[in-house]
C-alpha cells in the first residue's frame, strides 16, 4: 500500500473544511475558531466498511471519475480517520494501481488535487467527496455541515456536483 502521509499537500487555505491539512494539536482551535482537523493513522490499514464502499462506488459513477479510479478501488484500504469524529476516512491504494490523470483544468485547487463531489438532495444535505491527489484516491470525506457529525448517507440519493468537469465526460 502506498503511504500518502508525507506526500499529501495541504488544500489552499479557505474557510471550507480542509481535512487534508496536517495539525499538531487534536482538539485545538485555529485562527477562525474552528477545530484543527488531523489525519489519525490506524495501527494497520483496514478494508472499507459496507457503507464506505457503497459511497465510494457511487462516486466512481461521478461524471468526473476516471477508469483508473475504478481500478484503484479494487485495492483501496482505509489507513487513517479524521480527528473531528466525522466518518471521513483517508485512503491508500496499491502502488501498482494506475494513476488517474487529470488535466490542469480539472484541478482548480492545484497540486494535482481533484474533488468528485455529491450531496444528498439539491442543496443543504450531507456531502460526500472523493479527494484525488496526484492521481490517487486520498480521502473519502463525509461532511454534514459541522465537525464530528456522523450522518447516514444513502448512496442512491446522491446528486453529483459536476463543478468544473465537462458534462460530456
N, C-alpha and C. Protein backbone atom coordinates (compact mmCIF):
# COMPACT_ATOMS: atom_id res chain seq x y z
N UNK A 1 0.83 -1.18 0.00
CA UNK A 1 0.00 0.00 0.00
C UNK A 1 0.87 1.24 0.00
N UNK A 2 0.46 2.22 -0.75
CA UNK A 2 1.19 3.48 -0.79
C UNK A 2 0.85 4.31 0.43
N UNK A 3 1.86 4.80 1.13
CA UNK A 3 1.66 5.67 2.28
C UNK A 3 1.66 7.10 1.81
N UNK A 4 0.50 7.77 1.92
CA UNK A 4 0.37 9.14 1.42
C UNK A 4 0.76 10.20 2.44
N UNK A 5 1.11 9.80 3.65
CA UNK A 5 1.35 10.77 4.71
C UNK A 5 2.30 11.89 4.30
N UNK A 6 3.52 11.61 3.83
CA UNK A 6 4.41 12.72 3.52
C UNK A 6 4.11 13.38 2.18
N UNK A 7 3.26 12.78 1.36
CA UNK A 7 3.03 13.29 0.03
C UNK A 7 1.77 14.14 -0.09
N UNK A 8 0.96 14.21 0.94
CA UNK A 8 -0.33 14.88 0.85
C UNK A 8 -0.14 16.39 1.00
N UNK A 9 -0.38 17.15 -0.08
CA UNK A 9 -0.27 18.60 0.04
C UNK A 9 -1.50 19.16 0.74
N UNK A 10 -1.36 20.31 1.35
CA UNK A 10 -2.49 20.97 2.00
C UNK A 10 -3.34 21.63 0.93
N UNK A 11 -4.65 21.63 1.14
CA UNK A 11 -5.53 22.36 0.24
C UNK A 11 -5.29 23.85 0.45
N UNK A 12 -5.64 24.67 -0.51
CA UNK A 12 -5.50 26.12 -0.30
C UNK A 12 -6.29 26.57 0.92
N UNK A 13 -5.77 27.52 1.65
CA UNK A 13 -6.41 27.99 2.88
C UNK A 13 -7.72 28.70 2.56
N UNK A 14 -8.80 28.19 3.07
CA UNK A 14 -10.12 28.79 2.92
C UNK A 14 -10.88 28.53 4.19
N UNK A 15 -12.11 29.06 4.29
CA UNK A 15 -12.96 28.76 5.43
C UNK A 15 -13.63 27.42 5.26
N UNK A 16 -13.50 26.78 4.07
CA UNK A 16 -14.07 25.46 3.88
C UNK A 16 -13.34 24.46 4.76
N UNK A 17 -14.01 23.37 5.04
CA UNK A 17 -13.39 22.29 5.81
C UNK A 17 -12.27 21.70 4.98
N UNK A 18 -11.11 21.58 5.57
CA UNK A 18 -9.96 21.04 4.85
C UNK A 18 -9.32 19.96 5.69
N UNK A 19 -9.79 18.74 5.55
CA UNK A 19 -9.29 17.67 6.39
C UNK A 19 -7.91 17.20 5.98
N UNK A 20 -7.42 17.62 4.82
CA UNK A 20 -6.12 17.13 4.39
C UNK A 20 -4.96 17.94 4.93
N UNK A 21 -5.23 19.03 5.62
CA UNK A 21 -4.10 19.75 6.20
C UNK A 21 -3.65 19.01 7.45
N UNK A 22 -2.42 19.18 7.80
CA UNK A 22 -1.87 18.49 8.96
C UNK A 22 -1.84 19.44 10.13
N UNK A 23 -2.22 18.95 11.28
CA UNK A 23 -2.21 19.75 12.50
C UNK A 23 -1.37 19.02 13.55
N UNK A 24 -1.03 19.73 14.61
CA UNK A 24 -0.24 19.09 15.65
C UNK A 24 -1.03 18.88 16.94
N UNK A 25 -2.11 19.60 17.17
CA UNK A 25 -2.84 19.50 18.43
C UNK A 25 -4.30 19.16 18.17
N UNK A 26 -4.67 17.88 18.31
CA UNK A 26 -6.05 17.47 18.16
C UNK A 26 -6.87 18.18 19.22
N UNK A 27 -7.99 18.75 18.85
CA UNK A 27 -8.86 19.45 19.78
C UNK A 27 -8.56 20.93 19.86
N UNK A 28 -7.45 21.37 19.28
CA UNK A 28 -7.10 22.79 19.29
C UNK A 28 -7.96 23.53 18.28
N UNK A 29 -8.04 24.84 18.43
CA UNK A 29 -8.82 25.68 17.52
C UNK A 29 -7.86 26.48 16.65
N UNK A 30 -8.30 26.75 15.42
CA UNK A 30 -7.46 27.54 14.52
C UNK A 30 -7.78 29.02 14.65
N UNK A 31 -7.21 29.82 13.74
CA UNK A 31 -7.35 31.27 13.82
C UNK A 31 -8.78 31.76 13.57
N UNK A 32 -9.65 30.92 13.04
CA UNK A 32 -11.05 31.33 12.84
C UNK A 32 -11.99 30.52 13.74
N UNK A 33 -11.45 30.04 14.85
CA UNK A 33 -12.21 29.32 15.88
C UNK A 33 -12.92 28.07 15.36
N UNK A 34 -12.26 27.36 14.48
CA UNK A 34 -12.74 26.06 14.05
C UNK A 34 -11.74 25.02 14.53
N UNK A 35 -12.21 23.80 14.79
CA UNK A 35 -11.27 22.78 15.27
C UNK A 35 -10.18 22.52 14.24
N UNK A 36 -8.98 22.30 14.72
CA UNK A 36 -7.91 21.87 13.83
C UNK A 36 -8.14 20.39 13.58
N UNK A 37 -8.21 20.03 12.33
CA UNK A 37 -8.54 18.67 11.94
C UNK A 37 -7.27 17.96 11.51
N UNK A 38 -7.11 16.73 11.98
CA UNK A 38 -5.88 15.98 11.74
C UNK A 38 -6.18 14.60 11.20
N UNK A 39 -5.29 14.10 10.40
CA UNK A 39 -5.33 12.73 9.89
C UNK A 39 -4.79 11.83 10.99
N UNK A 40 -5.64 10.90 11.48
CA UNK A 40 -5.23 9.98 12.54
C UNK A 40 -4.93 8.60 11.95
N UNK A 41 -3.67 8.25 11.78
CA UNK A 41 -3.31 6.96 11.18
C UNK A 41 -3.83 5.78 12.01
N UNK A 42 -4.26 4.73 11.34
CA UNK A 42 -4.66 3.49 12.00
C UNK A 42 -3.41 2.66 12.27
N UNK A 43 -3.47 1.77 13.24
CA UNK A 43 -2.35 0.88 13.54
C UNK A 43 -2.03 0.00 12.32
N UNK A 44 -3.07 -0.39 11.60
CA UNK A 44 -2.92 -1.19 10.38
C UNK A 44 -4.06 -0.83 9.44
N UNK A 45 -3.81 -0.79 8.14
CA UNK A 45 -4.90 -0.50 7.19
C UNK A 45 -6.02 -1.52 7.34
N UNK A 46 -7.25 -1.07 7.03
CA UNK A 46 -8.41 -1.96 7.10
C UNK A 46 -9.21 -1.83 5.81
N UNK A 47 -10.03 -2.83 5.51
CA UNK A 47 -10.92 -2.71 4.35
C UNK A 47 -11.98 -1.64 4.61
N UNK A 48 -12.58 -1.14 3.55
CA UNK A 48 -13.70 -0.22 3.69
C UNK A 48 -14.89 -0.96 4.30
N UNK A 49 -15.69 -0.25 5.09
CA UNK A 49 -16.94 -0.82 5.58
C UNK A 49 -17.91 -0.91 4.40
N UNK A 50 -19.01 -1.60 4.57
CA UNK A 50 -20.01 -1.70 3.51
C UNK A 50 -20.54 -0.31 3.14
N UNK A 51 -20.76 0.55 4.13
CA UNK A 51 -21.25 1.90 3.85
C UNK A 51 -20.21 2.73 3.10
N UNK A 52 -18.95 2.66 3.53
CA UNK A 52 -17.89 3.39 2.84
C UNK A 52 -17.75 2.91 1.40
N UNK A 53 -17.80 1.60 1.20
CA UNK A 53 -17.68 1.01 -0.14
C UNK A 53 -18.83 1.49 -1.03
N UNK A 54 -20.06 1.51 -0.51
CA UNK A 54 -21.22 1.95 -1.30
C UNK A 54 -21.08 3.42 -1.70
N UNK A 55 -20.60 4.26 -0.80
CA UNK A 55 -20.41 5.68 -1.13
C UNK A 55 -19.30 5.85 -2.16
N UNK A 56 -18.20 5.11 -1.99
CA UNK A 56 -17.12 5.19 -2.96
C UNK A 56 -17.60 4.75 -4.34
N UNK A 57 -18.33 3.65 -4.40
CA UNK A 57 -18.83 3.16 -5.69
C UNK A 57 -19.78 4.17 -6.33
N UNK A 58 -20.57 4.86 -5.52
CA UNK A 58 -21.45 5.90 -6.06
C UNK A 58 -20.61 7.03 -6.67
N UNK A 59 -19.53 7.43 -6.00
CA UNK A 59 -18.68 8.50 -6.52
C UNK A 59 -17.90 8.06 -7.75
N UNK A 60 -17.65 6.77 -7.89
CA UNK A 60 -16.98 6.28 -9.09
C UNK A 60 -17.87 6.40 -10.33
N UNK A 61 -19.16 6.65 -10.12
CA UNK A 61 -20.09 6.91 -11.24
C UNK A 61 -20.23 8.40 -11.53
N UNK A 62 -19.49 9.23 -10.80
CA UNK A 62 -19.49 10.69 -11.00
C UNK A 62 -19.00 10.99 -12.42
N UNK A 63 -19.56 12.02 -13.07
CA UNK A 63 -19.11 12.36 -14.43
C UNK A 63 -17.62 12.68 -14.53
N UNK A 64 -16.99 13.09 -13.44
CA UNK A 64 -15.56 13.40 -13.47
C UNK A 64 -14.66 12.23 -13.12
N UNK A 65 -15.24 11.07 -12.84
CA UNK A 65 -14.43 9.91 -12.47
C UNK A 65 -13.67 9.38 -13.69
N UNK A 66 -12.65 8.61 -13.43
CA UNK A 66 -11.83 8.01 -14.48
C UNK A 66 -11.76 6.50 -14.26
N UNK A 67 -11.58 5.72 -15.34
CA UNK A 67 -11.48 4.26 -15.18
C UNK A 67 -10.36 3.84 -14.23
N UNK A 68 -9.29 4.62 -14.15
CA UNK A 68 -8.19 4.28 -13.25
C UNK A 68 -8.62 4.31 -11.78
N UNK A 69 -9.58 5.17 -11.45
CA UNK A 69 -10.08 5.20 -10.08
C UNK A 69 -10.84 3.91 -9.76
N UNK A 70 -11.56 3.39 -10.74
CA UNK A 70 -12.24 2.11 -10.55
C UNK A 70 -11.23 1.00 -10.31
N UNK A 71 -10.10 1.06 -11.02
CA UNK A 71 -9.03 0.08 -10.80
C UNK A 71 -8.45 0.24 -9.40
N UNK A 72 -8.22 1.48 -8.98
CA UNK A 72 -7.68 1.73 -7.64
C UNK A 72 -8.63 1.20 -6.57
N UNK A 73 -9.93 1.31 -6.83
CA UNK A 73 -10.94 0.88 -5.84
C UNK A 73 -10.83 -0.61 -5.51
N UNK A 74 -10.24 -1.37 -6.43
CA UNK A 74 -10.08 -2.81 -6.18
C UNK A 74 -9.08 -3.09 -5.07
N UNK A 75 -8.17 -2.15 -4.81
CA UNK A 75 -7.14 -2.37 -3.79
C UNK A 75 -7.21 -1.36 -2.63
N UNK A 76 -8.19 -0.48 -2.66
CA UNK A 76 -8.24 0.60 -1.67
C UNK A 76 -8.46 0.07 -0.27
N UNK A 77 -7.78 0.71 0.69
CA UNK A 77 -7.95 0.42 2.10
C UNK A 77 -7.97 1.73 2.86
N UNK A 78 -8.54 1.68 4.05
CA UNK A 78 -8.54 2.84 4.94
C UNK A 78 -7.27 2.78 5.77
N UNK A 79 -6.51 3.88 5.76
CA UNK A 79 -5.30 3.89 6.58
C UNK A 79 -5.30 4.97 7.66
N UNK A 80 -6.37 5.79 7.69
CA UNK A 80 -6.47 6.82 8.73
C UNK A 80 -7.91 7.31 8.80
N UNK A 81 -8.24 7.94 9.93
CA UNK A 81 -9.56 8.54 10.11
C UNK A 81 -9.38 10.02 10.42
N UNK A 82 -10.49 10.73 10.53
CA UNK A 82 -10.47 12.16 10.81
C UNK A 82 -10.58 12.38 12.33
N UNK A 83 -9.79 13.31 12.83
CA UNK A 83 -9.77 13.56 14.27
C UNK A 83 -11.03 14.21 14.81
N UNK A 84 -11.87 14.79 13.93
CA UNK A 84 -13.05 15.50 14.43
C UNK A 84 -14.18 14.56 14.82
N UNK A 85 -14.07 13.28 14.45
CA UNK A 85 -15.11 12.32 14.80
C UNK A 85 -16.11 12.06 13.68
N UNK A 86 -15.98 12.76 12.56
CA UNK A 86 -16.86 12.51 11.42
C UNK A 86 -16.49 11.17 10.79
N UNK A 87 -17.30 10.65 9.89
CA UNK A 87 -16.99 9.35 9.29
C UNK A 87 -16.01 9.41 8.11
N UNK A 88 -15.38 10.57 7.86
CA UNK A 88 -14.41 10.66 6.77
C UNK A 88 -13.24 9.74 7.03
N UNK A 89 -12.72 9.13 5.95
CA UNK A 89 -11.58 8.22 6.05
C UNK A 89 -10.54 8.57 5.00
N UNK A 90 -9.29 8.31 5.33
CA UNK A 90 -8.19 8.51 4.39
C UNK A 90 -7.87 7.17 3.74
N UNK A 91 -7.50 7.23 2.49
CA UNK A 91 -7.40 6.03 1.67
C UNK A 91 -5.98 5.78 1.19
N UNK A 92 -5.67 4.51 0.99
CA UNK A 92 -4.40 4.09 0.39
C UNK A 92 -4.71 3.03 -0.65
N UNK A 93 -4.01 3.08 -1.77
CA UNK A 93 -4.17 2.09 -2.83
C UNK A 93 -2.80 1.47 -3.12
N UNK A 94 -2.81 0.29 -3.71
CA UNK A 94 -1.55 -0.37 -4.07
C UNK A 94 -0.74 0.51 -5.00
N UNK A 95 0.58 0.48 -4.82
CA UNK A 95 1.47 1.25 -5.66
C UNK A 95 1.32 0.90 -7.14
N UNK A 96 0.98 -0.35 -7.44
CA UNK A 96 0.85 -0.79 -8.83
C UNK A 96 -0.43 -0.36 -9.51
N UNK A 97 -1.38 0.18 -8.76
CA UNK A 97 -2.64 0.63 -9.37
C UNK A 97 -2.37 1.85 -10.24
N UNK A 98 -3.01 1.93 -11.41
CA UNK A 98 -2.73 3.05 -12.31
C UNK A 98 -3.24 4.37 -11.75
N UNK A 99 -2.47 5.45 -11.95
CA UNK A 99 -2.94 6.77 -11.50
C UNK A 99 -4.00 7.30 -12.46
N UNK A 100 -4.92 8.07 -11.92
CA UNK A 100 -5.93 8.76 -12.73
C UNK A 100 -5.34 10.10 -13.15
N UNK A 101 -5.16 10.30 -14.43
CA UNK A 101 -4.55 11.52 -14.93
C UNK A 101 -5.63 12.55 -15.23
N UNK A 102 -5.52 13.70 -14.58
CA UNK A 102 -6.44 14.82 -14.80
C UNK A 102 -5.66 15.99 -15.37
N UNK A 103 -6.32 16.80 -16.17
CA UNK A 103 -5.68 17.99 -16.73
C UNK A 103 -5.62 19.08 -15.67
N UNK A 104 -4.82 20.10 -15.94
CA UNK A 104 -4.76 21.25 -15.04
C UNK A 104 -6.13 21.91 -14.90
N UNK A 105 -6.92 21.89 -15.97
CA UNK A 105 -8.26 22.48 -15.92
C UNK A 105 -9.17 21.72 -14.97
N UNK A 106 -8.92 20.42 -14.80
CA UNK A 106 -9.72 19.60 -13.89
C UNK A 106 -9.29 19.78 -12.44
N UNK A 107 -8.18 20.46 -12.21
CA UNK A 107 -7.61 20.60 -10.88
C UNK A 107 -7.51 22.07 -10.48
N UNK A 108 -8.68 22.72 -10.27
CA UNK A 108 -8.64 24.14 -9.93
C UNK A 108 -7.99 24.43 -8.58
N UNK A 109 -7.87 23.43 -7.72
CA UNK A 109 -7.24 23.62 -6.42
C UNK A 109 -5.72 23.55 -6.52
N UNK A 110 -5.21 23.12 -7.68
CA UNK A 110 -3.77 22.99 -7.85
C UNK A 110 -3.26 21.72 -7.21
N UNK A 111 -1.96 21.52 -7.27
CA UNK A 111 -1.26 20.38 -6.66
C UNK A 111 -1.84 19.04 -7.12
N UNK A 112 -2.41 18.98 -8.33
CA UNK A 112 -2.99 17.74 -8.81
C UNK A 112 -4.19 17.29 -8.01
N UNK A 113 -4.86 18.21 -7.33
CA UNK A 113 -6.00 17.88 -6.46
C UNK A 113 -7.31 17.97 -7.23
N UNK A 114 -8.08 16.91 -7.16
CA UNK A 114 -9.39 16.84 -7.80
C UNK A 114 -10.40 16.38 -6.76
N UNK A 115 -11.60 16.95 -6.79
CA UNK A 115 -12.66 16.54 -5.89
C UNK A 115 -13.86 16.06 -6.71
N UNK A 116 -14.29 14.84 -6.45
CA UNK A 116 -15.53 14.32 -7.03
C UNK A 116 -16.57 14.47 -5.93
N UNK A 117 -17.53 15.40 -6.14
CA UNK A 117 -18.47 15.79 -5.09
C UNK A 117 -19.89 15.33 -5.42
N UNK A 118 -20.61 14.97 -4.37
CA UNK A 118 -22.03 14.68 -4.49
C UNK A 118 -22.68 15.05 -3.16
N UNK A 119 -23.96 15.36 -3.21
CA UNK A 119 -24.67 15.68 -1.97
C UNK A 119 -26.04 15.03 -2.00
N UNK A 120 -26.63 14.94 -0.81
CA UNK A 120 -27.98 14.41 -0.70
C UNK A 120 -28.93 15.55 -1.03
N UNK A 121 -29.72 15.39 -2.06
CA UNK A 121 -30.63 16.45 -2.48
C UNK A 121 -29.91 17.54 -3.23
N UNK A 122 -30.65 18.55 -3.61
CA UNK A 122 -30.09 19.63 -4.41
C UNK A 122 -29.14 20.53 -3.63
N UNK A 123 -29.43 20.77 -2.36
CA UNK A 123 -28.51 21.59 -1.55
C UNK A 123 -28.84 21.41 -0.08
N UNK A 124 -27.85 21.64 0.74
CA UNK A 124 -28.06 21.62 2.17
C UNK A 124 -27.91 20.27 2.83
N UNK A 125 -27.93 19.18 2.05
CA UNK A 125 -27.78 17.86 2.64
C UNK A 125 -26.32 17.50 2.82
N UNK A 126 -26.06 16.36 3.46
CA UNK A 126 -24.68 15.92 3.62
C UNK A 126 -23.98 15.80 2.26
N UNK A 127 -22.68 16.06 2.27
CA UNK A 127 -21.86 15.93 1.07
C UNK A 127 -20.93 14.74 1.22
N UNK A 128 -20.64 14.10 0.09
CA UNK A 128 -19.64 13.04 0.02
C UNK A 128 -18.66 13.46 -1.05
N UNK A 129 -17.38 13.46 -0.71
CA UNK A 129 -16.36 13.95 -1.63
C UNK A 129 -15.22 12.94 -1.69
N UNK A 130 -14.87 12.53 -2.90
CA UNK A 130 -13.67 11.73 -3.09
C UNK A 130 -12.55 12.68 -3.47
N UNK A 131 -11.56 12.80 -2.61
CA UNK A 131 -10.39 13.63 -2.89
C UNK A 131 -9.36 12.76 -3.62
N UNK A 132 -8.90 13.25 -4.75
CA UNK A 132 -7.89 12.56 -5.54
C UNK A 132 -6.68 13.49 -5.60
N UNK A 133 -5.54 12.99 -5.15
CA UNK A 133 -4.31 13.79 -5.15
C UNK A 133 -3.26 13.09 -6.00
N UNK A 134 -2.74 13.83 -6.96
CA UNK A 134 -1.71 13.31 -7.86
C UNK A 134 -2.12 11.96 -8.44
N UNK A 135 -3.40 11.85 -8.82
CA UNK A 135 -3.90 10.65 -9.48
C UNK A 135 -4.30 9.52 -8.57
N UNK A 136 -4.20 9.70 -7.26
CA UNK A 136 -4.50 8.63 -6.30
C UNK A 136 -5.64 9.02 -5.38
N UNK A 137 -6.53 8.05 -5.10
CA UNK A 137 -7.56 8.28 -4.09
C UNK A 137 -6.86 8.61 -2.77
N UNK A 138 -7.30 9.70 -2.12
CA UNK A 138 -6.65 10.10 -0.88
C UNK A 138 -7.61 10.15 0.31
N UNK A 139 -8.86 10.56 0.06
CA UNK A 139 -9.80 10.68 1.18
C UNK A 139 -11.22 10.51 0.67
N UNK A 140 -12.03 9.83 1.46
CA UNK A 140 -13.47 9.78 1.26
C UNK A 140 -14.05 10.62 2.38
N UNK A 141 -14.45 11.84 2.03
CA UNK A 141 -14.94 12.80 3.02
C UNK A 141 -16.46 12.76 3.07
N UNK A 142 -16.98 12.70 4.28
CA UNK A 142 -18.43 12.72 4.50
C UNK A 142 -18.68 13.90 5.43
N UNK A 143 -19.28 14.94 4.90
CA UNK A 143 -19.40 16.24 5.57
C UNK A 143 -20.88 16.60 5.69
N UNK A 144 -21.33 16.86 6.90
CA UNK A 144 -22.74 17.19 7.14
C UNK A 144 -22.90 18.59 7.70
N UNK A 145 -21.94 19.48 7.43
CA UNK A 145 -22.08 20.87 7.84
C UNK A 145 -21.47 21.22 9.18
N UNK A 146 -20.91 20.25 9.87
CA UNK A 146 -20.29 20.53 11.16
C UNK A 146 -19.31 19.43 11.53
N UNK A 147 -18.39 19.74 12.38
CA UNK A 147 -17.36 18.79 12.78
C UNK A 147 -17.95 17.73 13.71
N UNK A 148 -17.57 16.48 13.49
CA UNK A 148 -17.99 15.39 14.35
C UNK A 148 -19.36 14.82 14.04
N UNK A 149 -20.07 15.37 13.09
CA UNK A 149 -21.41 14.87 12.74
C UNK A 149 -21.25 13.60 11.91
N UNK A 150 -22.03 12.59 12.24
CA UNK A 150 -21.93 11.29 11.57
C UNK A 150 -23.25 10.96 10.88
N UNK A 151 -23.51 11.57 9.71
CA UNK A 151 -24.79 11.32 9.04
C UNK A 151 -24.82 9.95 8.37
N UNK A 152 -26.01 9.40 8.25
CA UNK A 152 -26.18 8.23 7.38
C UNK A 152 -26.50 8.79 6.00
N UNK A 153 -25.73 8.39 5.00
CA UNK A 153 -25.93 8.88 3.63
C UNK A 153 -26.33 7.69 2.77
N UNK A 154 -27.50 7.80 2.15
CA UNK A 154 -27.97 6.77 1.23
C UNK A 154 -27.36 7.07 -0.14
N UNK A 155 -26.50 6.19 -0.66
CA UNK A 155 -25.85 6.46 -1.94
C UNK A 155 -26.83 6.66 -3.10
N UNK A 156 -28.03 6.08 -2.99
CA UNK A 156 -29.00 6.23 -4.08
C UNK A 156 -29.61 7.63 -4.12
N UNK A 157 -29.41 8.42 -3.07
CA UNK A 157 -29.97 9.77 -3.01
C UNK A 157 -28.95 10.85 -3.39
N UNK A 158 -27.73 10.45 -3.76
CA UNK A 158 -26.69 11.42 -4.08
C UNK A 158 -26.95 12.10 -5.42
N UNK A 159 -26.73 13.40 -5.44
CA UNK A 159 -26.80 14.20 -6.66
C UNK A 159 -25.39 14.69 -6.93
N UNK A 160 -24.87 14.40 -8.12
CA UNK A 160 -23.49 14.76 -8.45
C UNK A 160 -23.34 16.24 -8.73
N UNK A 161 -22.29 16.82 -8.17
CA UNK A 161 -21.90 18.18 -8.48
C UNK A 161 -20.84 18.08 -9.57
N UNK A 162 -21.20 18.51 -10.78
CA UNK A 162 -20.27 18.39 -11.88
C UNK A 162 -19.20 19.47 -11.84
N UNK A 163 -19.44 20.53 -11.08
CA UNK A 163 -18.43 21.56 -10.89
C UNK A 163 -17.74 21.95 -12.17
N UNK A 164 -16.43 21.80 -12.19
CA UNK A 164 -15.62 22.19 -13.33
C UNK A 164 -15.48 21.09 -14.38
N UNK A 165 -16.10 19.90 -14.14
CA UNK A 165 -15.97 18.83 -15.10
C UNK A 165 -16.94 19.02 -16.26
N UNK A 166 -16.49 18.84 -17.49
CA UNK A 166 -17.40 18.96 -18.65
C UNK A 166 -18.52 17.92 -18.54
N UNK A 167 -19.71 18.29 -18.95
CA UNK A 167 -20.86 17.38 -18.85
C UNK A 167 -20.76 16.21 -19.82
N UNK A 168 -19.88 16.29 -20.80
CA UNK A 168 -19.80 15.20 -21.80
C UNK A 168 -18.73 14.17 -21.43
N UNK A 169 -18.18 14.21 -20.22
CA UNK A 169 -17.16 13.23 -19.83
C UNK A 169 -17.76 11.89 -19.60
